[in-house]
Every structure is written in structure tokens, then in C-alpha cells.
Amino acid sequence: KRARLAALLVVASALVALLPWQVWIAAHPLVLPPELHGKYG
């Protein structure tokens, strides 16, 4: 629909919601042993 500003705002606000969790995951990759990654990783 060529609503580029709206599309940019959708991406930005979605990142505000998602980024903290993704950063936390990236910062704690080895919290669980490999045997638990399938169920809890």
C-alpha cells in the first residue's frame, strides 16, 4: 500500500517488544547443558 512510515513503525515497535528477550538469550547461551536444549532451549 506504499505506507512506508507505518511499516517502519511496525518493525520498530515489534523490536522494542522482542529485542530484550533476544538479547537475554544471546547473553546466556550456556545456561543449560546440551541435553536440555531440546526441551528448554
PDB file of all heavy atoms in Angstrom:
ATOM      1  N   LYS A   1       0.816  -1.213   0.000  1.00  0.00           N
ATOM      2  CA  LYS A   1       0.000   0.000   0.000  1.00  0.00           C
ATOM      3  C   LYS A   1       0.853   1.267   0.000  1.00  0.00           C
ATOM      4  O   LYS A   1       0.330   2.379   0.057  1.00  0.00           O
ATOM      5  CB  LYS A   1      -0.916  -0.015   1.235  1.00  0.00           C
ATOM      6  CG  LYS A   1      -2.094   0.920   1.133  1.00  0.00           C
ATOM      7  CD  LYS A   1      -3.121   0.632   2.193  1.00  0.00           C
ATOM      8  CE  LYS A   1      -4.332   1.536   1.987  1.00  0.00           C
ATOM      9  NZ  LYS A   1      -5.415   1.240   2.927  1.00  0.00           N
ATOM     10  N   ARG A   2       2.180   1.089  -0.031  1.00  0.00           N
ATOM     11  CA  ARG A   2       3.141   2.194  -0.033  1.00  0.00           C
ATOM     12  C   ARG A   2       3.085   3.020   1.257  1.00  0.00           C
ATOM     13  O   ARG A   2       3.399   4.214   1.257  1.00  0.00           O
ATOM     14  CB  ARG A   2       2.927   3.110  -1.245  1.00  0.00           C
ATOM     15  CG  ARG A   2       3.074   2.390  -2.580  1.00  0.00           C
ATOM     16  CD  ARG A   2       2.914   3.345  -3.747  1.00  0.00           C
ATOM     17  NE  ARG A   2       2.953   2.660  -5.015  1.00  0.00           N
ATOM     18  CZ  ARG A   2       4.054   2.266  -5.638  1.00  0.00           C
ATOM     19  NH1 ARG A   2       5.236   2.526  -5.098  1.00  0.00           N
ATOM     20  NH2 ARG A   2       3.993   1.646  -6.795  1.00  0.00           N
ATOM     21  N   ALA A   3       2.682   2.383   2.351  1.00  0.00           N
ATOM     22  CA  ALA A   3       2.672   3.048   3.658  1.00  0.00           C
ATOM     23  C   ALA A   3       4.003   2.752   4.353  1.00  0.00           C
ATOM     24  O   ALA A   3       4.069   1.989   5.317  1.00  0.00           O
ATOM     25  CB  ALA A   3       1.489   2.583   4.483  1.00  0.00           C
ATOM     26  N   ARG A   4       5.067   3.356   3.854  1.00  0.00           N
ATOM     27  CA  ARG A   4       6.416   3.009   4.319  1.00  0.00           C
ATOM     28  C   ARG A   4       6.655   3.438   5.764  1.00  0.00           C
ATOM     29  O   ARG A   4       7.308   2.738   6.533  1.00  0.00           O
ATOM     30  CB  ARG A   4       7.459   3.634   3.393  1.00  0.00           C
ATOM     31  CG  ARG A   4       7.410   3.082   1.971  1.00  0.00           C
ATOM     32  CD  ARG A   4       8.511   3.672   1.118  1.00  0.00           C
ATOM     33  NE  ARG A   4       8.492   3.122  -0.231  1.00  0.00           N
ATOM     34  CZ  ARG A   4       7.778   3.606  -1.220  1.00  0.00           C
ATOM     35  NH1 ARG A   4       7.016   4.667  -1.019  1.00  0.00           N
ATOM     36  NH2 ARG A   4       7.807   3.044  -2.426  1.00  0.00           N
ATOM     37  N   LEU A   5       6.154   4.609   6.155  1.00  0.00           N
ATOM     38  CA  LEU A   5       6.347   5.078   7.529  1.00  0.00           C
ATOM     39  C   LEU A   5       5.664   4.121   8.503  1.00  0.00           C
ATOM     40  O   LEU A   5       6.239   3.753   9.544  1.00  0.00           O
ATOM     41  CB  LEU A   5       5.792   6.492   7.703  1.00  0.00           C
ATOM     42  CG  LEU A   5       5.830   7.037   9.147  1.00  0.00           C
ATOM     43  CD1 LEU A   5       7.269   7.086   9.664  1.00  0.00           C
ATOM     44  CD2 LEU A   5       5.166   8.413   9.220  1.00  0.00           C
ATOM     45  N   ALA A   6       4.440   3.710   8.179  1.00  0.00           N
ATOM     46  CA  ALA A   6       3.723   2.782   9.049  1.00  0.00           C
ATOM     47  C   ALA A   6       4.471   1.457   9.151  1.00  0.00           C
ATOM     48  O   ALA A   6       4.578   0.872  10.235  1.00  0.00           O
ATOM     49  CB  ALA A   6       2.304   2.555   8.526  1.00  0.00           C
ATOM     50  N   ALA A   7       5.004   0.983   8.030  1.00  0.00           N
ATOM     51  CA  ALA A   7       5.760  -0.276   8.045  1.00  0.00           C
ATOM     52  C   ALA A   7       6.997  -0.158   8.933  1.00  0.00           C
ATOM     53  O   ALA A   7       7.326  -1.069   9.708  1.00  0.00           O
ATOM     54  CB  ALA A   7       6.166  -0.659   6.629  1.00  0.00           C
ATOM     55  N   LEU A   8       7.685   0.976   8.853  1.00  0.00           N
ATOM     56  CA  LEU A   8       8.873   1.195   9.675  1.00  0.00           C
ATOM     57  C   LEU A   8       8.513   1.231  11.158  1.00  0.00           C
ATOM     58  O   LEU A   8       9.223   0.665  12.004  1.00  0.00           O
ATOM     59  CB  LEU A   8       9.540   2.506   9.258  1.00  0.00           C
ATOM     60  CG  LEU A   8      10.839   2.864   9.992  1.00  0.00           C
ATOM     61  CD1 LEU A   8      11.911   1.814   9.727  1.00  0.00           C
ATOM     62  CD2 LEU A   8      11.323   4.241   9.554  1.00  0.00           C
ATOM     63  N   LEU A   9       7.394   1.875  11.488  1.00  0.00           N
ATOM     64  CA  LEU A   9       6.974   1.951  12.885  1.00  0.00           C
ATOM     65  C   LEU A   9       6.553   0.582  13.419  1.00  0.00           C
ATOM     66  O   LEU A   9       6.775   0.268  14.594  1.00  0.00           O
ATOM     67  CB  LEU A   9       5.821   2.948  13.022  1.00  0.00           C
ATOM     68  CG  LEU A   9       6.190   4.424  12.831  1.00  0.00           C
ATOM     69  CD1 LEU A   9       4.946   5.293  12.832  1.00  0.00           C
ATOM     70  CD2 LEU A   9       7.159   4.871  13.929  1.00  0.00           C
ATOM     71  N   VAL A  10       5.941  -0.237  12.570  1.00  0.00           N
ATOM     72  CA  VAL A  10       5.567  -1.600  12.983  1.00  0.00           C
ATOM     73  C   VAL A  10       6.818  -2.399  13.352  1.00  0.00           C
ATOM     74  O   VAL A  10       6.881  -3.064  14.391  1.00  0.00           O
ATOM     75  CB  VAL A  10       4.773  -2.316  11.873  1.00  0.00           C
ATOM     76  CG1 VAL A  10       4.649  -3.813  12.172  1.00  0.00           C
ATOM     77  CG2 VAL A  10       3.388  -1.710  11.727  1.00  0.00           C
ATOM     78  N   VAL A  11       7.849  -2.324  12.496  1.00  0.00           N
ATOM     79  CA  VAL A  11       9.094  -3.056  12.759  1.00  0.00           C
ATOM     80  C   VAL A  11       9.750  -2.538  14.039  1.00  0.00           C
ATOM     81  O   VAL A  11      10.188  -3.323  14.895  1.00  0.00           O
ATOM     82  CB  VAL A  11      10.056  -2.916  11.569  1.00  0.00           C
ATOM     83  CG1 VAL A  11      11.419  -3.511  11.920  1.00  0.00           C
ATOM     84  CG2 VAL A  11       9.495  -3.611  10.349  1.00  0.00           C
ATOM     85  N   ALA A  12       9.811  -1.230  14.187  1.00  0.00           N
ATOM     86  CA  ALA A  12      10.484  -0.648  15.347  1.00  0.00           C
ATOM     87  C   ALA A  12       9.795  -1.033  16.645  1.00  0.00           C
ATOM     88  O   ALA A  12      10.452  -1.416  17.627  1.00  0.00           O
ATOM     89  CB  ALA A  12      10.536   0.874  15.199  1.00  0.00           C
ATOM     90  N   SER A  13       8.483  -0.954  16.670  1.00  0.00           N
ATOM     91  CA  SER A  13       7.772  -1.271  17.910  1.00  0.00           C
ATOM     92  C   SER A  13       7.814  -2.772  18.202  1.00  0.00           C
ATOM     93  O   SER A  13       7.872  -3.192  19.365  1.00  0.00           O
ATOM     94  CB  SER A  13       6.322  -0.782  17.835  1.00  0.00           C
ATOM     95  OG  SER A  13       5.664  -1.310  16.695  1.00  0.00           O
ATOM     96  N   ALA A  14       7.794  -3.608  17.160  1.00  0.00           N
ATOM     97  CA  ALA A  14       7.939  -5.052  17.383  1.00  0.00           C
ATOM     98  C   ALA A  14       9.307  -5.365  17.975  1.00  0.00           C
ATOM     99  O   ALA A  14       9.430  -6.223  18.867  1.00  0.00           O
ATOM    100  CB  ALA A  14       7.735  -5.808  16.073  1.00  0.00           C
ATOM    101  N   LEU A  15      10.346  -4.665  17.503  1.00  0.00           N
ATOM    102  CA  LEU A  15      11.695  -4.873  18.051  1.00  0.00           C
ATOM    103  C   LEU A  15      11.773  -4.435  19.510  1.00  0.00           C
ATOM    104  O   LEU A  15      12.471  -5.061  20.315  1.00  0.00           O
ATOM    105  CB  LEU A  15      12.723  -4.113  17.226  1.00  0.00           C
ATOM    106  CG  LEU A  15      13.059  -4.715  15.858  1.00  0.00           C
ATOM    107  CD1 LEU A  15      14.023  -3.811  15.107  1.00  0.00           C
ATOM    108  CD2 LEU A  15      13.651  -6.110  16.009  1.00  0.00           C
ATOM    109  N   VAL A  16      11.048  -3.382  19.860  1.00  0.00           N
ATOM    110  CA  VAL A  16      11.021  -2.945  21.258  1.00  0.00           C
ATOM    111  C   VAL A  16      10.490  -4.059  22.154  1.00  0.00           C
ATOM    112  O   VAL A  16      10.987  -4.283  23.266  1.00  0.00           O
ATOM    113  CB  VAL A  16      10.156  -1.674  21.401  1.00  0.00           C
ATOM    114  CG1 VAL A  16       9.858  -1.383  22.876  1.00  0.00           C
ATOM    115  CG2 VAL A  16      10.852  -0.484  20.761  1.00  0.00           C
ATOM    116  N   ALA A  17       9.485  -4.781  21.654  1.00  0.00           N
ATOM    117  CA  ALA A  17       8.905  -5.881  22.435  1.00  0.00           C
ATOM    118  C   ALA A  17       9.798  -7.121  22.448  1.00  0.00           C
ATOM    119  O   ALA A  17       9.916  -7.803  23.462  1.00  0.00           O
ATOM    120  CB  ALA A  17       7.523  -6.232  21.875  1.00  0.00           C
ATOM    121  N   LEU A  18      10.445  -7.407  21.319  1.00  0.00           N
ATOM    122  CA  LEU A  18      11.164  -8.678  21.169  1.00  0.00           C
ATOM    123  C   LEU A  18      12.640  -8.606  21.537  1.00  0.00           C
ATOM    124  O   LEU A  18      13.219  -9.603  21.983  1.00  0.00           O
ATOM    125  CB  LEU A  18      11.043  -9.160  19.717  1.00  0.00           C
ATOM    126  CG  LEU A  18       9.670  -9.638  19.270  1.00  0.00           C
ATOM    127  CD1 LEU A  18       9.662  -9.903  17.772  1.00  0.00           C
ATOM    128  CD2 LEU A  18       9.282 -10.901  20.018  1.00  0.00           C
ATOM    129  N   LEU A  19      13.270  -7.453  21.339  1.00  0.00           N
ATOM    130  CA  LEU A  19      14.726  -7.384  21.465  1.00  0.00           C
ATOM    131  C   LEU A  19      15.253  -7.720  22.859  1.00  0.00           C
ATOM    132  O   LEU A  19      16.251  -8.435  22.981  1.00  0.00           O
ATOM    133  CB  LEU A  19      15.206  -5.999  21.025  1.00  0.00           C
ATOM    134  CG  LEU A  19      16.682  -5.903  20.636  1.00  0.00           C
ATOM    135  CD1 LEU A  19      17.012  -6.912  19.542  1.00  0.00           C
ATOM    136  CD2 LEU A  19      17.016  -4.492  20.190  1.00  0.00           C
ATOM    137  N   PRO A  20      14.615  -7.251  23.953  1.00  0.00           N
ATOM    138  CA  PRO A  20      15.159  -7.593  25.278  1.00  0.00           C
ATOM    139  C   PRO A  20      15.276  -9.097  25.509  1.00  0.00           C
ATOM    140  O   PRO A  20      16.286  -9.566  26.046  1.00  0.00           O
ATOM    141  CB  PRO A  20      14.152  -6.951  26.239  1.00  0.00           C
ATOM    142  CG  PRO A  20      13.571  -5.822  25.471  1.00  0.00           C
ATOM    143  CD  PRO A  20      13.484  -6.317  24.059  1.00  0.00           C
ATOM    144  N   TRP A  21      14.271  -9.839  25.104  1.00  0.00           N
ATOM    145  CA  TRP A  21      14.320 -11.295  25.281  1.00  0.00           C
ATOM    146  C   TRP A  21      15.406 -11.916  24.410  1.00  0.00           C
ATOM    147  O   TRP A  21      16.139 -12.807  24.851  1.00  0.00           O
ATOM    148  CB  TRP A  21      12.960 -11.894  24.963  1.00  0.00           C
ATOM    149  CG  TRP A  21      12.910 -13.397  24.996  1.00  0.00           C
ATOM    150  CD1 TRP A  21      12.637 -14.233  23.952  1.00  0.00           C
ATOM    151  CD2 TRP A  21      13.159 -14.252  26.114  1.00  0.00           C
ATOM    152  NE1 TRP A  21      12.685 -15.557  24.352  1.00  0.00           N
ATOM    153  CE2 TRP A  21      13.017 -15.590  25.679  1.00  0.00           C
ATOM    154  CE3 TRP A  21      13.502 -14.021  27.447  1.00  0.00           C
ATOM    155  CZ2 TRP A  21      13.191 -16.684  26.525  1.00  0.00           C
ATOM    156  CZ3 TRP A  21      13.669 -15.116  28.285  1.00  0.00           C
ATOM    157  CH2 TRP A  21      13.518 -16.423  27.823  1.00  0.00           C
ATOM    158  N   GLN A  22      15.547 -11.448  23.184  1.00  0.00           N
ATOM    159  CA  GLN A  22      16.570 -11.989  22.303  1.00  0.00           C
ATOM    160  C   GLN A  22      17.978 -11.665  22.816  1.00  0.00           C
ATOM    161  O   GLN A  22      18.891 -12.497  22.731  1.00  0.00           O
ATOM    162  CB  GLN A  22      16.391 -11.429  20.884  1.00  0.00           C
ATOM    163  CG  GLN A  22      15.062 -11.763  20.242  1.00  0.00           C
ATOM    164  CD  GLN A  22      14.813 -13.264  20.185  1.00  0.00           C
ATOM    165  OE1 GLN A  22      15.715 -14.043  19.888  1.00  0.00           O
ATOM    166  NE2 GLN A  22      13.576 -13.678  20.470  1.00  0.00           N
ATOM    167  N   VAL A  23      18.153 -10.472  23.362  1.00  0.00           N
ATOM    168  CA  VAL A  23      19.448 -10.101  23.929  1.00  0.00           C
ATOM    169  C   VAL A  23      19.767 -10.982  25.134  1.00  0.00           C
ATOM    170  O   VAL A  23      20.898 -11.446  25.309  1.00  0.00           O
ATOM    171  CB  VAL A  23      19.450  -8.609  24.330  1.00  0.00           C
ATOM    172  CG1 VAL A  23      20.696  -8.268  25.145  1.00  0.00           C
ATOM    173  CG2 VAL A  23      19.380  -7.735  23.075  1.00  0.00           C
ATOM    174  N   TRP A  24      18.770 -11.239  25.965  1.00  0.00           N
ATOM    175  CA  TRP A  24      18.989 -12.085  27.146  1.00  0.00           C
ATOM    176  C   TRP A  24      19.382 -13.500  26.721  1.00  0.00           C
ATOM    177  O   TRP A  24      20.297 -14.100  27.295  1.00  0.00           O
ATOM    178  CB  TRP A  24      17.719 -12.132  27.995  1.00  0.00           C
ATOM    179  CG  TRP A  24      17.940 -12.760  29.335  1.00  0.00           C
ATOM    180  CD1 TRP A  24      18.278 -12.134  30.497  1.00  0.00           C
ATOM    181  CD2 TRP A  24      17.860 -14.158  29.647  1.00  0.00           C
ATOM    182  NE1 TRP A  24      18.401 -13.052  31.512  1.00  0.00           N
ATOM    183  CE2 TRP A  24      18.157 -14.296  31.029  1.00  0.00           C
ATOM    184  CE3 TRP A  24      17.574 -15.296  28.904  1.00  0.00           C
ATOM    185  CZ2 TRP A  24      18.166 -15.534  31.660  1.00  0.00           C
ATOM    186  CZ3 TRP A  24      17.590 -16.528  29.538  1.00  0.00           C
ATOM    187  CH2 TRP A  24      17.880 -16.641  30.905  1.00  0.00           C
ATOM    188  N   ILE A  25      18.696 -14.037  25.691  1.00  0.00           N
ATOM    189  CA  ILE A  25      19.031 -15.381  25.197  1.00  0.00           C
ATOM    190  C   ILE A  25      20.468 -15.416  24.677  1.00  0.00           C
ATOM    191  O   ILE A  25      21.230 -16.346  24.954  1.00  0.00           O
ATOM    192  CB  ILE A  25      18.046 -15.797  24.091  1.00  0.00           C
ATOM    193  CG1 ILE A  25      16.658 -16.035  24.672  1.00  0.00           C
ATOM    194  CG2 ILE A  25      18.538 -17.060  23.378  1.00  0.00           C
ATOM    195  CD1 ILE A  25      15.605 -16.314  23.630  1.00  0.00           C
ATOM    196  N   ALA A  26      20.839 -14.388  23.901  1.00  0.00           N
ATOM    197  CA  ALA A  26      22.188 -14.349  23.336  1.00  0.00           C
ATOM    198  C   ALA A  26      23.255 -14.236  24.427  1.00  0.00           C
ATOM    199  O   ALA A  26      24.369 -14.734  24.278  1.00  0.00           O
ATOM    200  CB  ALA A  26      22.303 -13.175  22.367  1.00  0.00           C
ATOM    201  N   ALA A  27      22.900 -13.603  25.543  1.00  0.00           N
ATOM    202  CA  ALA A  27      23.865 -13.415  26.620  1.00  0.00           C
ATOM    203  C   ALA A  27      24.005 -14.637  27.519  1.00  0.00           C
ATOM    204  O   ALA A  27      24.925 -14.709  28.327  1.00  0.00           O
ATOM    205  CB  ALA A  27      23.464 -12.205  27.468  1.00  0.00           C
ATOM    206  N   HIS A  28      23.072 -15.594  27.400  1.00  0.00           N
ATOM    207  CA  HIS A  28      23.094 -16.779  28.269  1.00  0.00           C
ATOM    208  C   HIS A  28      22.964 -18.063  27.447  1.00  0.00           C
ATOM    209  O   HIS A  28      22.081 -18.882  27.686  1.00  0.00           O
ATOM    210  CB  HIS A  28      21.959 -16.710  29.296  1.00  0.00           C
ATOM    211  CG  HIS A  28      22.025 -15.523  30.188  1.00  0.00           C
ATOM    212  ND1 HIS A  28      21.528 -14.297  29.818  1.00  0.00           N
ATOM    213  CD2 HIS A  28      22.535 -15.361  31.440  1.00  0.00           C
ATOM    214  CE1 HIS A  28      21.726 -13.432  30.805  1.00  0.00           C
ATOM    215  NE2 HIS A  28      22.335 -14.050  31.795  1.00  0.00           N
ATOM    216  N   PRO A  29      23.850 -18.272  26.485  1.00  0.00           N
ATOM    217  CA  PRO A  29      23.697 -19.460  25.622  1.00  0.00           C
ATOM    218  C   PRO A  29      24.068 -20.761  26.309  1.00  0.00           C
ATOM    219  O   PRO A  29      23.658 -21.834  25.870  1.00  0.00           O
ATOM    220  CB  PRO A  29      24.657 -19.162  24.458  1.00  0.00           C
ATOM    221  CG  PRO A  29      25.722 -18.310  25.083  1.00  0.00           C
ATOM    222  CD  PRO A  29      25.016 -17.467  26.104  1.00  0.00           C
ATOM    223  N   LEU A  30      24.852 -20.701  27.385  1.00  0.00           N
ATOM    224  CA  LEU A  30      25.364 -21.929  28.009  1.00  0.00           C
ATOM    225  C   LEU A  30      24.767 -22.168  29.386  1.00  0.00           C
ATOM    226  O   LEU A  30      25.339 -22.887  30.200  1.00  0.00           O
ATOM    227  CB  LEU A  30      26.897 -21.852  28.102  1.00  0.00           C
ATOM    228  CG  LEU A  30      27.628 -21.645  26.769  1.00  0.00           C
ATOM    229  CD1 LEU A  30      29.124 -21.515  27.005  1.00  0.00           C
ATOM    230  CD2 LEU A  30      27.344 -22.803  25.823  1.00  0.00           C
ATOM    231  N   VAL A  31      23.623 -21.568  29.669  1.00  0.00           N
ATOM    232  CA  VAL A  31      22.993 -21.773  30.974  1.00  0.00           C
ATOM    233  C   VAL A  31      22.591 -23.231  31.148  1.00  0.00           C
ATOM    234  O   VAL A  31      22.727 -23.810  32.226  1.00  0.00           O
ATOM    235  CB  VAL A  31      21.766 -20.852  31.125  1.00  0.00           C
ATOM    236  CG1 VAL A  31      20.961 -21.227  32.355  1.00  0.00           C
ATOM    237  CG2 VAL A  31      22.216 -19.402  31.223  1.00  0.00           C
ATOM    238  N   LEU A  32      22.097 -23.853  30.087  1.00  0.00           N
ATOM    239  CA  LEU A  32      21.641 -25.238  30.138  1.00  0.00           C
ATOM    240  C   LEU A  32      22.659 -26.160  29.490  1.00  0.00           C
ATOM    241  O   LEU A  32      23.299 -25.793  28.509  1.00  0.00           O
ATOM    242  CB  LEU A  32      20.301 -25.384  29.400  1.00  0.00           C
ATOM    243  CG  LEU A  32      19.117 -24.603  29.965  1.00  0.00           C
ATOM    244  CD1 LEU A  32      17.923 -24.727  29.027  1.00  0.00           C
ATOM    245  CD2 LEU A  32      18.751 -25.106  31.347  1.00  0.00           C
ATOM    246  N   PRO A  33      22.792 -27.378  29.994  1.00  0.00           N
ATOM    247  CA  PRO A  33      23.629 -28.360  29.305  1.00  0.00           C
ATOM    248  C   PRO A  33      22.978 -28.765  27.986  1.00  0.00           C
ATOM    249  O   PRO A  33      21.762 -28.600  27.814  1.00  0.00           O
ATOM    250  CB  PRO A  33      23.686 -29.536  30.280  1.00  0.00           C
ATOM    251  CG  PRO A  33      22.473 -29.391  31.123  1.00  0.00           C
ATOM    252  CD  PRO A  33      22.221 -27.919  31.242  1.00  0.00           C
ATOM    253  N   PRO A  34      23.745 -29.290  27.035  1.00  0.00           N
ATOM    254  CA  PRO A  34      23.183 -29.630  25.716  1.00  0.00           C
ATOM    255  C   PRO A  34      21.983 -30.568  25.794  1.00  0.00           C
ATOM    256  O   PRO A  34      21.077 -30.488  24.965  1.00  0.00           O
ATOM    257  CB  PRO A  34      24.365 -30.295  24.997  1.00  0.00           C
ATOM    258  CG  PRO A  34      25.576 -29.755  25.675  1.00  0.00           C
ATOM    259  CD  PRO A  34      25.196 -29.534  27.106  1.00  0.00           C
ATOM    260  N   GLU A  35      21.953 -31.445  26.792  1.00  0.00           N
ATOM    261  CA  GLU A  35      20.869 -32.423  26.896  1.00  0.00           C
ATOM    262  C   GLU A  35      19.508 -31.774  27.176  1.00  0.00           C
ATOM    263  O   GLU A  35      18.470 -32.407  26.963  1.00  0.00           O
ATOM    264  CB  GLU A  35      21.183 -33.439  28.003  1.00  0.00           C
ATOM    265  CG  GLU A  35      22.311 -34.392  27.672  1.00  0.00           C
ATOM    266  CD  GLU A  35      23.673 -33.734  27.774  1.00  0.00           C
ATOM    267  OE1 GLU A  35      23.782 -32.683  28.448  1.00  0.00           O
ATOM    268  OE2 GLU A  35      24.639 -34.265  27.179  1.00  0.00           O
ATOM    269  N   LEU A  36      19.488 -30.536  27.634  1.00  0.00           N
ATOM    270  CA  LEU A  36      18.222 -29.860  27.936  1.00  0.00           C
ATOM    271  C   LEU A  36      17.824 -28.834  26.885  1.00  0.00           C
ATOM    272  O   LEU A  36      16.751 -28.242  26.980  1.00  0.00           O
ATOM    273  CB  LEU A  36      18.307 -29.168  29.301  1.00  0.00           C
ATOM    274  CG  LEU A  36      18.446 -30.064  30.529  1.00  0.00           C
ATOM    275  CD1 LEU A  36      18.277 -29.249  31.794  1.00  0.00           C
ATOM    276  CD2 LEU A  36      17.436 -31.193  30.503  1.00  0.00           C
ATOM    277  N   HIS A  37      18.679 -28.608  25.880  1.00  0.00           N
ATOM    278  CA  HIS A  37      18.366 -27.585  24.884  1.00  0.00           C
ATOM    279  C   HIS A  37      17.092 -27.906  24.117  1.00  0.00           C
ATOM    280  O   HIS A  37      16.321 -27.019  23.775  1.00  0.00           O
ATOM    281  CB  HIS A  37      19.540 -27.428  23.915  1.00  0.00           C
ATOM    282  CG  HIS A  37      20.684 -26.684  24.515  1.00  0.00           C
ATOM    283  ND1 HIS A  37      21.859 -26.421  23.837  1.00  0.00           N
ATOM    284  CD2 HIS A  37      20.867 -26.137  25.743  1.00  0.00           C
ATOM    285  CE1 HIS A  37      22.692 -25.751  24.615  1.00  0.00           C
ATOM    286  NE2 HIS A  37      22.110 -25.579  25.778  1.00  0.00           N
ATOM    287  N   GLY A  38      16.853 -29.186  23.815  1.00  0.00           N
ATOM    288  CA  GLY A  38      15.684 -29.548  23.038  1.00  0.00           C
ATOM    289  C   GLY A  38      14.378 -29.222  23.729  1.00  0.00           C
ATOM    290  O   GLY A  38      13.422 -28.769  23.095  1.00  0.00           O
ATOM    291  N   LYS A  39      14.321 -29.439  25.044  1.00  0.00           N
ATOM    292  CA  LYS A  39      13.082 -29.190  25.779  1.00  0.00           C
ATOM    293  C   LYS A  39      12.969 -27.762  26.300  1.00  0.00           C
ATOM    294  O   LYS A  39      11.871 -27.219  26.401  1.00  0.00           O
ATOM    295  CB  LYS A  39      12.975 -30.154  26.965  1.00  0.00           C
ATOM    296  CG  LYS A  39      12.550 -31.557  26.581  1.00  0.00           C
ATOM    297  CD  LYS A  39      12.148 -32.355  27.818  1.00  0.00           C
ATOM    298  CE  LYS A  39      11.543 -33.693  27.422  1.00  0.00           C
ATOM    299  NZ  LYS A  39      11.056 -34.446  28.599  1.00  0.00           N
ATOM    300  N   TYR A  40      14.114 -27.159  26.657  1.00  0.00           N
ATOM    301  CA  TYR A  40      14.055 -25.884  27.346  1.00  0.00           C
ATOM    302  C   TYR A  40      14.886 -24.786  26.691  1.00  0.00           C
ATOM    303  O   TYR A  40      14.958 -23.677  27.225  1.00  0.00           O
ATOM    304  CB  TYR A  40      14.526 -26.070  28.804  1.00  0.00           C
ATOM    305  CG  TYR A  40      13.657 -27.030  29.575  1.00  0.00           C
ATOM    306  CD1 TYR A  40      14.103 -28.318  29.871  1.00  0.00           C
ATOM    307  CD2 TYR A  40      12.390 -26.667  30.000  1.00  0.00           C
ATOM    308  CE1 TYR A  40      13.302 -29.207  30.574  1.00  0.00           C
ATOM    309  CE2 TYR A  40      11.587 -27.540  30.707  1.00  0.00           C
ATOM    310  CZ  TYR A  40      12.045 -28.818  30.994  1.00  0.00           C
ATOM    311  OH  TYR A  40      11.248 -29.689  31.692  1.00  0.00           O
ATOM    312  N   GLY A  41      15.473 -25.071  25.546  1.00  0.00           N
ATOM    313  CA  GLY A  41      16.299 -24.079  24.881  1.00  0.00           C
ATOM    314  C   GLY A  41      15.562 -23.363  23.762  1.00  0.00           C
ATOM    315  O   GLY A  41      14.336 -23.444  23.629  1.00  0.00           O
TER     316      GLY A  41
END
